[in-house]
Amino acid sequence: MQKISIFNQFIGFLALRNTATPAPLLSLSHYIWGWLQPPPSPPCSPPPYALPEEAFFLPAIITSSSQLLSSGKKRGERVRCSAVGVGLEDEACELVNGIELSIGEGDDNIQAYLFKAVKNNNGAGILLLSDIFGFQDSATRDFAYQVACHGYNVLVPDLFRGDPWEKGRPKPMFEQWLASQDPQRVANDIATSTKWMVDEFRAAGISKKLGIIGFCFGGGRVIDVLAADQGACFSTAVSFYGTRMDPAAASKIKVPVLFISGDDDLLCPIGVLSKFEKIIGNGSRVVIFKGRGHAFAHRPGSTEEDADAEQAFTLMRNWLHDGLLVNS
């Protein structure tokens, strides 16, 4: 099958949605710039924040997560936050476009999902690396959607090539499954995703660097990515309870990292995060939530965890705002 630009596909989709007035076919850079260019006067901006010098325990506050975009193949959707019950009070959360796409060529070809802010697009890009349940998982897409609601363009790649861990699988099979996910292949797929974002932003005439977020498995890969990148593409990062992080990689990281975890998370010990914070430096921070275990920020399981999840989201949002919009 002949490959064509995913954005030309998306333009065609928009034309089909409005057959009375077909959308004109624009150049790729013209089209991307159209949806990436920030509005003349943004409706609102996240407030500044300050984190203490040392890792600390935070109390709790929030709303529960919600279902969101369905994942039709190569399909674009425009969805209002209120329609999916995100529950954010921000006036900026109005419209988000979602489209499933295929990026890379040949053996490097992977699937991904792109969430694009519409009303308040700030021109900044975020690469979001999922946990073991993959890029189609509803909790991951819900989180990515909420990030996009705050003005970002969020790309969520398929790190597992269609074979994420499934909750129904016997736990003794986990290590066997993980061993089948070749680390070099995963690293290459992340590099392909990064290159795609850089290329599209360059075509749109935007020079801003990217941010990167990861949960659990993805949170650990954030460290690997930053060590290899050394500040070339990414200017800030957030790692939520990262697993299997390589201590040797910490000294190679050139940008600040916000580490978020719970003090009851055996998969992401506080001592390990503290060491990473000191080695990386550059204003990196560790934020620990008291009484919280693994995955509380994007998979809250109770009202109390909902509160901490909202607080963690706010910390992440402000960190990204400062790293990508204020200090870029």
C-alpha atoms as a PDB file:
ATOM      1  CA  MET A   1       0.000   0.000   0.000  1.00  0.00           C
ATOM      2  CA  GLN A   2       1.330   3.411  -0.928  1.00  0.00           C
ATOM      3  CA  LYS A   3       2.227   5.508   2.085  1.00  0.00           C
ATOM      4  CA  ILE A   4       1.040   9.127   2.219  1.00  0.00           C
ATOM      5  CA  SER A   5       1.418  11.817   4.824  1.00  0.00           C
ATOM      6  CA  ILE A   6      -0.796  11.194   7.852  1.00  0.00           C
ATOM      7  CA  PHE A   7      -1.705  14.855   7.850  1.00  0.00           C
ATOM      8  CA  ASN A   8      -2.891  14.670   4.255  1.00  0.00           C
ATOM      9  CA  GLN A   9      -5.002  11.720   5.374  1.00  0.00           C
ATOM     10  CA  PHE A  10      -6.370  13.844   8.178  1.00  0.00           C
ATOM     11  CA  ILE A  11      -7.136  16.704   5.795  1.00  0.00           C
ATOM     12  CA  GLY A  12      -9.060  14.229   3.660  1.00  0.00           C
ATOM     13  CA  PHE A  13     -10.963  13.120   6.738  1.00  0.00           C
ATOM     14  CA  LEU A  14     -11.944  16.699   7.487  1.00  0.00           C
ATOM     15  CA  ALA A  15     -13.101  17.118   3.907  1.00  0.00           C
ATOM     16  CA  LEU A  16     -15.314  14.040   4.198  1.00  0.00           C
ATOM     17  CA  ARG A  17     -16.868  15.416   7.360  1.00  0.00           C
ATOM     18  CA  ASN A  18     -17.937  18.556   5.519  1.00  0.00           C
ATOM     19  CA  THR A  19     -18.897  17.460   2.015  1.00  0.00           C
ATOM     20  CA  ALA A  20     -20.751  20.693   1.326  1.00  0.00           C
ATOM     21  CA  THR A  21     -17.479  22.649   1.524  1.00  0.00           C
ATOM     22  CA  PRO A  22     -14.516  20.305   0.988  1.00  0.00           C
ATOM     23  CA  ALA A  23     -11.340  21.235   2.870  1.00  0.00           C
ATOM     24  CA  PRO A  24      -8.595  22.514   0.553  1.00  0.00           C
ATOM     25  CA  LEU A  25      -5.403  20.475   0.368  1.00  0.00           C
ATOM     26  CA  LEU A  26      -2.734  22.630   1.932  1.00  0.00           C
ATOM     27  CA  SER A  27       0.991  22.076   2.065  1.00  0.00           C
ATOM     28  CA  LEU A  28       2.126  19.979   5.031  1.00  0.00           C
ATOM     29  CA  SER A  29       3.923  22.837   6.782  1.00  0.00           C
ATOM     30  CA  HIS A  30       1.005  25.217   6.123  1.00  0.00           C
ATOM     31  CA  TYR A  31      -1.461  22.746   7.549  1.00  0.00           C
ATOM     32  CA  ILE A  32       0.543  21.871  10.656  1.00  0.00           C
ATOM     33  CA  TRP A  33       1.230  25.502  11.391  1.00  0.00           C
ATOM     34  CA  GLY A  34      -2.473  26.141  11.203  1.00  0.00           C
ATOM     35  CA  TRP A  35      -3.182  23.927  14.200  1.00  0.00           C
ATOM     36  CA  LEU A  36       0.037  24.467  16.103  1.00  0.00           C
ATOM     37  CA  GLN A  37       0.197  28.252  16.050  1.00  0.00           C
ATOM     38  CA  PRO A  38      -0.815  29.648  19.463  1.00  0.00           C
ATOM     39  CA  PRO A  39      -3.817  32.033  19.510  1.00  0.00           C
ATOM     40  CA  PRO A  40      -3.095  35.795  19.863  1.00  0.00           C
ATOM     41  CA  SER A  41      -4.355  35.867  23.447  1.00  0.00           C
ATOM     42  CA  PRO A  42      -4.413  32.513  25.286  1.00  0.00           C
ATOM     43  CA  PRO A  43      -7.529  32.074  27.452  1.00  0.00           C
ATOM     44  CA  CYS A  44      -5.484  31.268  30.520  1.00  0.00           C
ATOM     45  CA  SER A  45      -2.083  30.119  31.700  1.00  0.00           C
ATOM     46  CA  PRO A  46      -1.232  27.779  34.582  1.00  0.00           C
ATOM     47  CA  PRO A  47      -0.031  29.696  37.646  1.00  0.00           C
ATOM     48  CA  PRO A  48       3.639  29.604  38.646  1.00  0.00           C
ATOM     49  CA  TYR A  49       4.616  27.177  41.359  1.00  0.00           C
ATOM     50  CA  ALA A  50       7.487  26.403  43.655  1.00  0.00           C
ATOM     51  CA  LEU A  51       8.711  23.064  44.898  1.00  0.00           C
ATOM     52  CA  PRO A  52      10.761  22.778  48.096  1.00  0.00           C
ATOM     53  CA  GLU A  53      14.475  22.015  47.971  1.00  0.00           C
ATOM     54  CA  GLU A  54      14.063  18.496  49.324  1.00  0.00           C
ATOM     55  CA  ALA A  55      11.665  15.685  48.425  1.00  0.00           C
ATOM     56  CA  PHE A  56       8.512  16.048  50.487  1.00  0.00           C
ATOM     57  CA  PHE A  57       5.176  14.440  51.320  1.00  0.00           C
ATOM     58  CA  LEU A  58       2.058  15.993  49.881  1.00  0.00           C
ATOM     59  CA  PRO A  59      -1.497  15.794  51.160  1.00  0.00           C
ATOM     60  CA  ALA A  60      -4.286  14.913  48.835  1.00  0.00           C
ATOM     61  CA  ILE A  61      -7.111  16.595  46.481  1.00  0.00           C
ATOM     62  CA  ILE A  62      -9.269  15.863  42.620  1.00  0.00           C
ATOM     63  CA  THR A  63     -11.690  14.322  40.245  1.00  0.00           C
ATOM     64  CA  SER A  64     -11.714  10.775  39.009  1.00  0.00           C
ATOM     65  CA  SER A  65     -10.519   9.754  35.577  1.00  0.00           C
ATOM     66  CA  SER A  66     -12.930   9.303  32.668  1.00  0.00           C
ATOM     67  CA  GLN A  67     -13.316   7.392  29.420  1.00  0.00           C
ATOM     68  CA  LEU A  68     -12.383   9.373  26.343  1.00  0.00           C
ATOM     69  CA  LEU A  69     -11.486   9.101  22.686  1.00  0.00           C
ATOM     70  CA  SER A  70     -12.279   5.903  20.861  1.00  0.00           C
ATOM     71  CA  SER A  71      -9.447   4.659  18.649  1.00  0.00           C
ATOM     72  CA  GLY A  72     -10.742   4.285  15.119  1.00  0.00           C
ATOM     73  CA  LYS A  73      -8.032   3.346  12.623  1.00  0.00           C
ATOM     74  CA  LYS A  74      -6.584   6.474  11.008  1.00  0.00           C
ATOM     75  CA  ARG A  75      -9.542   8.393  12.307  1.00  0.00           C
ATOM     76  CA  GLY A  76      -9.689  11.960  13.607  1.00  0.00           C
ATOM     77  CA  GLU A  77     -12.128  13.148  16.242  1.00  0.00           C
ATOM     78  CA  ARG A  78     -12.947  16.456  17.867  1.00  0.00           C
ATOM     79  CA  VAL A  79     -14.227  16.058  21.409  1.00  0.00           C
ATOM     80  CA  ARG A  80     -15.295  18.523  24.061  1.00  0.00           C
ATOM     81  CA  CYS A  81     -13.943  17.919  27.562  1.00  0.00           C
ATOM     82  CA  SER A  82     -17.421  18.232  29.014  1.00  0.00           C
ATOM     83  CA  ALA A  83     -18.663  15.488  26.702  1.00  0.00           C
ATOM     84  CA  VAL A  84     -16.295  12.935  28.208  1.00  0.00           C
ATOM     85  CA  GLY A  85     -16.566  14.140  31.782  1.00  0.00           C
ATOM     86  CA  VAL A  86     -12.923  15.069  32.326  1.00  0.00           C
ATOM     87  CA  GLY A  87     -14.040  17.361  35.115  1.00  0.00           C
ATOM     88  CA  LEU A  88     -11.311  20.014  34.720  1.00  0.00           C
ATOM     89  CA  GLU A  89     -12.253  23.535  35.777  1.00  0.00           C
ATOM     90  CA  ASP A  90      -9.793  25.171  33.361  1.00  0.00           C
ATOM     91  CA  GLU A  91     -11.532  27.280  30.718  1.00  0.00           C
ATOM     92  CA  ALA A  92      -8.689  26.330  28.390  1.00  0.00           C
ATOM     93  CA  CYS A  93     -10.044  22.785  28.232  1.00  0.00           C
ATOM     94  CA  GLU A  94     -12.397  23.177  25.268  1.00  0.00           C
ATOM     95  CA  LEU A  95     -11.531  21.034  22.293  1.00  0.00           C
ATOM     96  CA  VAL A  96      -9.011  18.301  21.521  1.00  0.00           C
ATOM     97  CA  ASN A  97      -8.451  16.475  18.238  1.00  0.00           C
ATOM     98  CA  GLY A  98      -7.412  12.839  18.398  1.00  0.00           C
ATOM     99  CA  ILE A  99      -6.031  10.807  15.521  1.00  0.00           C
ATOM    100  CA  GLU A 100      -4.510   7.341  15.285  1.00  0.00           C
ATOM    101  CA  LEU A 101      -1.563   7.263  12.934  1.00  0.00           C
ATOM    102  CA  SER A 102       1.283   5.185  11.550  1.00  0.00           C
ATOM    103  CA  ILE A 103       4.804   6.610  11.664  1.00  0.00           C
ATOM    104  CA  GLY A 104       8.200   5.419  10.460  1.00  0.00           C
ATOM    105  CA  GLU A 105       9.052   3.225   7.488  1.00  0.00           C
ATOM    106  CA  GLY A 106       9.693  -0.491   7.043  1.00  0.00           C
ATOM    107  CA  ASP A 107      10.861  -2.218  10.221  1.00  0.00           C
ATOM    108  CA  ASP A 108      10.682   1.126  12.041  1.00  0.00           C
ATOM    109  CA  ASN A 109       6.963   1.531  11.355  1.00  0.00           C
ATOM    110  CA  ILE A 110       4.879   1.800  14.521  1.00  0.00           C
ATOM    111  CA  GLN A 111       1.380   2.865  15.522  1.00  0.00           C
ATOM    112  CA  ALA A 112       0.716   5.888  17.714  1.00  0.00           C
ATOM    113  CA  TYR A 113      -2.051   8.198  18.859  1.00  0.00           C
ATOM    114  CA  LEU A 114      -1.834  11.985  18.659  1.00  0.00           C
ATOM    115  CA  PHE A 115      -3.893  14.350  20.806  1.00  0.00           C
ATOM    116  CA  LYS A 116      -3.853  17.967  19.597  1.00  0.00           C
ATOM    117  CA  ALA A 117      -5.175  20.936  21.529  1.00  0.00           C
ATOM    118  CA  VAL A 118      -7.440  23.030  19.295  1.00  0.00           C
ATOM    119  CA  LYS A 119      -8.628  26.214  20.982  1.00  0.00           C
ATOM    120  CA  ASN A 120      -5.544  26.985  23.077  1.00  0.00           C
ATOM    121  CA  ASN A 121      -2.698  25.183  21.295  1.00  0.00           C
ATOM    122  CA  ASN A 122       0.601  26.469  22.711  1.00  0.00           C
ATOM    123  CA  GLY A 123       2.810  24.849  20.054  1.00  0.00           C
ATOM    124  CA  ALA A 124       4.637  22.576  22.515  1.00  0.00           C
ATOM    125  CA  GLY A 125       4.924  18.823  22.029  1.00  0.00           C
ATOM    126  CA  ILE A 126       4.870  16.031  24.597  1.00  0.00           C
ATOM    127  CA  LEU A 127       5.976  12.435  24.064  1.00  0.00           C
ATOM    128  CA  LEU A 128       4.082  10.208  26.491  1.00  0.00           C
ATOM    129  CA  LEU A 129       5.467   6.722  27.198  1.00  0.00           C
ATOM    130  CA  SER A 130       2.879   4.281  28.528  1.00  0.00           C
ATOM    131  CA  ASP A 131       2.997   1.666  31.222  1.00  0.00           C
ATOM    132  CA  ILE A 132       2.969  -2.053  30.367  1.00  0.00           C
ATOM    133  CA  PHE A 133      -0.699  -1.920  29.309  1.00  0.00           C
ATOM    134  CA  GLY A 134       0.138   0.002  26.166  1.00  0.00           C
ATOM    135  CA  PHE A 135      -0.920   3.044  24.186  1.00  0.00           C
ATOM    136  CA  GLN A 136      -4.533   1.949  23.667  1.00  0.00           C
ATOM    137  CA  ASP A 137      -5.244   1.585  27.380  1.00  0.00           C
ATOM    138  CA  SER A 138      -8.067   3.902  28.479  1.00  0.00           C
ATOM    139  CA  ALA A 139      -6.239   5.244  31.553  1.00  0.00           C
ATOM    140  CA  THR A 140      -3.218   6.236  29.454  1.00  0.00           C
ATOM    141  CA  ARG A 141      -5.322   7.895  26.754  1.00  0.00           C
ATOM    142  CA  ASP A 142      -7.405   9.664  29.375  1.00  0.00           C
ATOM    143  CA  PHE A 143      -4.264  11.141  30.912  1.00  0.00           C
ATOM    144  CA  ALA A 144      -2.879  12.155  27.513  1.00  0.00           C
ATOM    145  CA  TYR A 145      -6.198  13.788  26.676  1.00  0.00           C
ATOM    146  CA  GLN A 146      -6.138  15.837  29.860  1.00  0.00           C
ATOM    147  CA  VAL A 147      -2.600  17.014  29.101  1.00  0.00           C
ATOM    148  CA  ALA A 148      -3.733  18.075  25.618  1.00  0.00           C
ATOM    149  CA  CYS A 149      -6.605  19.995  27.196  1.00  0.00           C
ATOM    150  CA  HIS A 150      -3.974  22.322  28.624  1.00  0.00           C
ATOM    151  CA  GLY A 151      -2.680  23.304  25.202  1.00  0.00           C
ATOM    152  CA  TYR A 152      -0.182  20.560  24.319  1.00  0.00           C
ATOM    153  CA  ASN A 153       0.245  18.198  21.383  1.00  0.00           C
ATOM    154  CA  VAL A 154       0.686  14.743  22.902  1.00  0.00           C
ATOM    155  CA  LEU A 155       2.014  11.735  20.994  1.00  0.00           C
ATOM    156  CA  VAL A 156       1.503   8.287  22.571  1.00  0.00           C
ATOM    157  CA  PRO A 157       3.426   5.581  20.664  1.00  0.00           C
ATOM    158  CA  ASP A 158       2.824   1.836  20.763  1.00  0.00           C
ATOM    159  CA  LEU A 159       5.907   0.675  22.672  1.00  0.00           C
ATOM    160  CA  PHE A 160       4.948  -3.002  22.465  1.00  0.00           C
ATOM    161  CA  ARG A 161       4.123  -3.431  18.755  1.00  0.00           C
ATOM    162  CA  GLY A 162       0.577  -4.604  19.443  1.00  0.00           C
ATOM    163  CA  ASP A 163       1.524  -6.916  22.312  1.00  0.00           C
ATOM    164  CA  PRO A 164       1.033  -5.033  25.608  1.00  0.00           C
ATOM    165  CA  TRP A 165       0.696  -6.871  28.885  1.00  0.00           C
ATOM    166  CA  GLU A 166      -2.905  -7.944  29.443  1.00  0.00           C
ATOM    167  CA  LYS A 167      -4.445  -7.998  32.896  1.00  0.00           C
ATOM    168  CA  GLY A 168      -5.834 -11.481  32.375  1.00  0.00           C
ATOM    169  CA  ARG A 169      -2.454 -13.094  31.762  1.00  0.00           C
ATOM    170  CA  PRO A 170      -0.951 -15.288  34.512  1.00  0.00           C
ATOM    171  CA  LYS A 171       1.543 -13.256  36.540  1.00  0.00           C
ATOM    172  CA  PRO A 172       4.272 -15.934  36.290  1.00  0.00           C
ATOM    173  CA  MET A 173       4.367 -15.142  32.548  1.00  0.00           C
ATOM    174  CA  PHE A 174       5.275 -11.504  33.095  1.00  0.00           C
ATOM    175  CA  GLU A 175       9.058 -11.852  32.965  1.00  0.00           C
ATOM    176  CA  GLN A 176       8.784 -13.975  29.842  1.00  0.00           C
ATOM    177  CA  TRP A 177       6.586 -11.349  28.207  1.00  0.00           C
ATOM    178  CA  LEU A 178       8.943  -8.540  29.242  1.00  0.00           C
ATOM    179  CA  ALA A 179      11.935 -10.423  27.857  1.00  0.00           C
ATOM    180  CA  SER A 180      10.147 -10.561  24.494  1.00  0.00           C
ATOM    181  CA  GLN A 181      10.106  -6.740  24.392  1.00  0.00           C
ATOM    182  CA  ASP A 182      13.620  -6.158  23.101  1.00  0.00           C
ATOM    183  CA  PRO A 183      15.064  -3.027  24.821  1.00  0.00           C
ATOM    184  CA  GLN A 184      16.860  -1.925  21.667  1.00  0.00           C
ATOM    185  CA  ARG A 185      13.698  -2.252  19.588  1.00  0.00           C
ATOM    186  CA  VAL A 186      11.789  -0.203  22.185  1.00  0.00           C
ATOM    187  CA  ALA A 187      14.540   2.432  22.158  1.00  0.00           C
ATOM    188  CA  ASN A 188      14.425   2.564  18.355  1.00  0.00           C
ATOM    189  CA  ASP A 189      10.643   2.988  18.367  1.00  0.00           C
ATOM    190  CA  ILE A 190      10.921   5.864  20.834  1.00  0.00           C
ATOM    191  CA  ALA A 191      13.613   7.424  18.634  1.00  0.00           C
ATOM    192  CA  THR A 192      11.293   7.064  15.622  1.00  0.00           C
ATOM    193  CA  SER A 193       8.512   8.807  17.542  1.00  0.00           C
ATOM    194  CA  THR A 194      10.839  11.594  18.616  1.00  0.00           C
ATOM    195  CA  LYS A 195      12.093  12.134  15.067  1.00  0.00           C
ATOM    196  CA  TRP A 196       8.528  12.279  13.772  1.00  0.00           C
ATOM    197  CA  MET A 197       7.640  15.015  16.255  1.00  0.00           C
ATOM    198  CA  VAL A 198      10.807  16.997  15.560  1.00  0.00           C
ATOM    199  CA  ASP A 199      10.282  16.761  11.790  1.00  0.00           C
ATOM    200  CA  GLU A 200       6.639  17.822  11.959  1.00  0.00           C
ATOM    201  CA  PHE A 201       7.417  20.747  14.249  1.00  0.00           C
ATOM    202  CA  ARG A 202      10.278  21.869  12.015  1.00  0.00           C
ATOM    203  CA  ALA A 203       7.955  21.727   8.989  1.00  0.00           C
ATOM    204  CA  ALA A 204       5.537  23.921  10.917  1.00  0.00           C
ATOM    205  CA  GLY A 205       8.255  26.500  11.586  1.00  0.00           C
ATOM    206  CA  ILE A 206       8.376  25.836  15.316  1.00  0.00           C
ATOM    207  CA  SER A 207      11.682  25.573  17.152  1.00  0.00           C
ATOM    208  CA  LYS A 208      10.475  24.721  20.646  1.00  0.00           C
ATOM    209  CA  LYS A 209      11.936  21.629  22.235  1.00  0.00           C
ATOM    210  CA  LEU A 210       9.816  18.762  23.451  1.00  0.00           C
ATOM    211  CA  GLY A 211       8.819  17.425  26.835  1.00  0.00           C
ATOM    212  CA  ILE A 212       8.601  13.754  27.774  1.00  0.00           C
ATOM    213  CA  ILE A 213       6.368  11.973  30.304  1.00  0.00           C
ATOM    214  CA  GLY A 214       6.375   8.312  31.316  1.00  0.00           C
ATOM    215  CA  PHE A 215       4.521   5.985  33.679  1.00  0.00           C
ATOM    216  CA  CYS A 216       5.952   2.837  35.295  1.00  0.00           C
ATOM    217  CA  PHE A 217       7.697   1.039  32.396  1.00  0.00           C
ATOM    218  CA  GLY A 218       7.542   4.275  30.411  1.00  0.00           C
ATOM    219  CA  GLY A 219       8.804   6.244  33.403  1.00  0.00           C
ATOM    220  CA  GLY A 220      11.936   4.110  33.421  1.00  0.00           C
ATOM    221  CA  ARG A 221      12.404   4.583  29.693  1.00  0.00           C
ATOM    222  CA  VAL A 222      12.288   8.340  30.191  1.00  0.00           C
ATOM    223  CA  ILE A 223      15.698   8.027  31.868  1.00  0.00           C
ATOM    224  CA  ASP A 224      17.116   6.013  28.961  1.00  0.00           C
ATOM    225  CA  VAL A 225      15.758   8.483  26.403  1.00  0.00           C
ATOM    226  CA  LEU A 226      17.144  11.551  28.176  1.00  0.00           C
ATOM    227  CA  ALA A 227      20.565   9.937  28.607  1.00  0.00           C
ATOM    228  CA  ALA A 228      20.775   9.263  24.870  1.00  0.00           C
ATOM    229  CA  ASP A 229      19.253  12.622  23.893  1.00  0.00           C
ATOM    230  CA  GLN A 230      21.494  14.782  26.149  1.00  0.00           C
ATOM    231  CA  GLY A 231      19.301  17.838  25.663  1.00  0.00           C
ATOM    232  CA  ALA A 232      19.116  17.716  21.862  1.00  0.00           C
ATOM    233  CA  CYS A 233      15.334  17.316  21.563  1.00  0.00           C
ATOM    234  CA  PHE A 234      13.881  17.271  25.075  1.00  0.00           C
ATOM    235  CA  SER A 235      14.112  20.201  27.468  1.00  0.00           C
ATOM    236  CA  THR A 236      12.166  18.815  30.425  1.00  0.00           C
ATOM    237  CA  ALA A 237      10.715  15.535  31.700  1.00  0.00           C
ATOM    238  CA  VAL A 238       8.351  13.955  34.208  1.00  0.00           C
ATOM    239  CA  SER A 239       8.821  10.366  35.385  1.00  0.00           C
ATOM    240  CA  PHE A 240       5.926   8.812  37.298  1.00  0.00           C
ATOM    241  CA  TYR A 241       7.088   5.876  39.459  1.00  0.00           C
ATOM    242  CA  GLY A 242       9.597   4.682  36.874  1.00  0.00           C
ATOM    243  CA  THR A 243      10.662   1.028  36.959  1.00  0.00           C
ATOM    244  CA  ARG A 244      13.939  -0.650  36.015  1.00  0.00           C
ATOM    245  CA  MET A 245      15.798   2.634  35.780  1.00  0.00           C
ATOM    246  CA  ASP A 246      19.491   2.477  34.958  1.00  0.00           C
ATOM    247  CA  PRO A 247      21.578   4.399  37.567  1.00  0.00           C
ATOM    248  CA  ALA A 248      24.463   4.622  35.084  1.00  0.00           C
ATOM    249  CA  ALA A 249      22.293   6.725  32.781  1.00  0.00           C
ATOM    250  CA  ALA A 250      21.637   9.469  35.333  1.00  0.00           C
ATOM    251  CA  SER A 251      24.979  11.242  34.863  1.00  0.00           C
ATOM    252  CA  LYS A 252      24.309  11.627  31.125  1.00  0.00           C
ATOM    253  CA  ILE A 253      21.037  13.537  31.549  1.00  0.00           C
ATOM    254  CA  LYS A 254      21.263  17.266  30.792  1.00  0.00           C
ATOM    255  CA  VAL A 255      17.731  18.470  31.577  1.00  0.00           C
ATOM    256  CA  PRO A 256      15.647  18.707  34.770  1.00  0.00           C
ATOM    257  CA  VAL A 257      13.423  15.775  35.684  1.00  0.00           C
ATOM    258  CA  LEU A 258      10.422  15.782  37.998  1.00  0.00           C
ATOM    259  CA  PHE A 259      10.074  12.409  39.750  1.00  0.00           C
ATOM    260  CA  ILE A 260       6.655  11.594  41.212  1.00  0.00           C
ATOM    261  CA  SER A 261       5.990   8.458  43.262  1.00  0.00           C
ATOM    262  CA  GLY A 262       4.475   7.121  46.471  1.00  0.00           C
ATOM    263  CA  ASP A 263       6.237   6.035  49.641  1.00  0.00           C
ATOM    264  CA  ASP A 264       4.442   2.680  49.485  1.00  0.00           C
ATOM    265  CA  ASP A 265       5.677   1.821  45.967  1.00  0.00           C
ATOM    266  CA  LEU A 266       8.019  -1.163  46.131  1.00  0.00           C
ATOM    267  CA  LEU A 267       8.713  -0.941  42.386  1.00  0.00           C
ATOM    268  CA  CYS A 268      10.125   2.574  42.658  1.00  0.00           C
ATOM    269  CA  PRO A 269      12.031   3.043  45.952  1.00  0.00           C
ATOM    270  CA  ILE A 270      12.423   6.579  47.297  1.00  0.00           C
ATOM    271  CA  GLY A 271      16.145   6.044  47.856  1.00  0.00           C
ATOM    272  CA  VAL A 272      16.679   5.348  44.162  1.00  0.00           C
ATOM    273  CA  LEU A 273      14.812   8.513  43.156  1.00  0.00           C
ATOM    274  CA  SER A 274      16.823  10.619  45.607  1.00  0.00           C
ATOM    275  CA  LYS A 275      20.056   9.375  44.049  1.00  0.00           C
ATOM    276  CA  PHE A 276      18.814  10.200  40.558  1.00  0.00           C
ATOM    277  CA  GLU A 277      17.794  13.677  41.705  1.00  0.00           C
ATOM    278  CA  LYS A 278      21.254  14.425  43.090  1.00  0.00           C
ATOM    279  CA  ILE A 279      23.152  12.988  40.125  1.00  0.00           C
ATOM    280  CA  ILE A 280      21.032  14.680  37.444  1.00  0.00           C
ATOM    281  CA  GLY A 281      20.830  18.058  39.175  1.00  0.00           C
ATOM    282  CA  ASN A 282      19.719  20.891  36.845  1.00  0.00           C
ATOM    283  CA  GLY A 283      16.833  21.669  39.178  1.00  0.00           C
ATOM    284  CA  SER A 284      15.439  18.128  39.243  1.00  0.00           C
ATOM    285  CA  ARG A 285      12.930  17.332  41.985  1.00  0.00           C
ATOM    286  CA  VAL A 286      11.468  14.315  43.764  1.00  0.00           C
ATOM    287  CA  VAL A 287       7.878  14.520  45.022  1.00  0.00           C
ATOM    288  CA  ILE A 288       6.639  11.667  47.220  1.00  0.00           C
ATOM    289  CA  PHE A 289       2.987  11.111  48.121  1.00  0.00           C
ATOM    290  CA  LYS A 290       2.493   9.570  51.544  1.00  0.00           C
ATOM    291  CA  GLY A 291       0.625   6.272  51.638  1.00  0.00           C
ATOM    292  CA  ARG A 292       0.474   5.877  47.881  1.00  0.00           C
ATOM    293  CA  GLY A 293       1.524   2.801  45.929  1.00  0.00           C
ATOM    294  CA  HIS A 294       2.278   2.144  42.283  1.00  0.00           C
ATOM    295  CA  ALA A 295       0.295   3.855  39.491  1.00  0.00           C
ATOM    296  CA  PHE A 296      -1.828   6.065  41.769  1.00  0.00           C
ATOM    297  CA  ALA A 297      -1.454   9.163  39.547  1.00  0.00           C
ATOM    298  CA  HIS A 298      -2.929   7.738  36.340  1.00  0.00           C
ATOM    299  CA  ARG A 299      -4.892   4.803  37.761  1.00  0.00           C
ATOM    300  CA  PRO A 300      -6.420   6.110  41.007  1.00  0.00           C
ATOM    301  CA  GLY A 301      -8.396   3.418  42.769  1.00  0.00           C
ATOM    302  CA  SER A 302     -10.170   5.410  45.473  1.00  0.00           C
ATOM    303  CA  THR A 303     -11.436   8.885  46.336  1.00  0.00           C
ATOM    304  CA  GLU A 304      -8.275   9.496  48.329  1.00  0.00           C
ATOM    305  CA  GLU A 305      -6.080   8.468  45.401  1.00  0.00           C
ATOM    306  CA  ASP A 306      -8.176  10.674  43.111  1.00  0.00           C
ATOM    307  CA  ALA A 307      -7.169  13.616  45.277  1.00  0.00           C
ATOM    308  CA  ASP A 308      -3.481  12.796  45.098  1.00  0.00           C
ATOM    309  CA  ALA A 309      -3.756  12.116  41.363  1.00  0.00           C
ATOM    310  CA  GLU A 310      -5.070  15.641  40.799  1.00  0.00           C
ATOM    311  CA  GLN A 311      -2.289  17.113  42.899  1.00  0.00           C
ATOM    312  CA  ALA A 312       0.288  15.115  40.937  1.00  0.00           C
ATOM    313  CA  PHE A 313      -1.265  16.264  37.658  1.00  0.00           C
ATOM    314  CA  THR A 314      -1.066  19.897  38.762  1.00  0.00           C
ATOM    315  CA  LEU A 315       2.604  19.533  39.687  1.00  0.00           C
ATOM    316  CA  MET A 316       3.319  17.962  36.294  1.00  0.00           C
ATOM    317  CA  ARG A 317       1.332  20.608  34.418  1.00  0.00           C
ATOM    318  CA  ASN A 318       3.184  23.468  36.082  1.00  0.00           C
ATOM    319  CA  TRP A 319       6.535  21.750  35.568  1.00  0.00           C
ATOM    320  CA  LEU A 320       5.837  21.416  31.848  1.00  0.00           C
ATOM    321  CA  HIS A 321       4.594  24.985  31.644  1.00  0.00           C
ATOM    322  CA  ASP A 322       7.798  26.338  33.163  1.00  0.00           C
ATOM    323  CA  GLY A 323      10.076  24.017  31.212  1.00  0.00           C
ATOM    324  CA  LEU A 324       8.459  24.347  27.787  1.00  0.00           C
ATOM    325  CA  LEU A 325       6.719  27.708  27.722  1.00  0.00           C
ATOM    326  CA  VAL A 326       8.409  30.008  30.255  1.00  0.00           C
ATOM    327  CA  ASN A 327      12.020  28.873  29.954  1.00  0.00           C
ATOM    328  CA  SER A 328      12.051  27.653  26.344  1.00  0.00           C
END
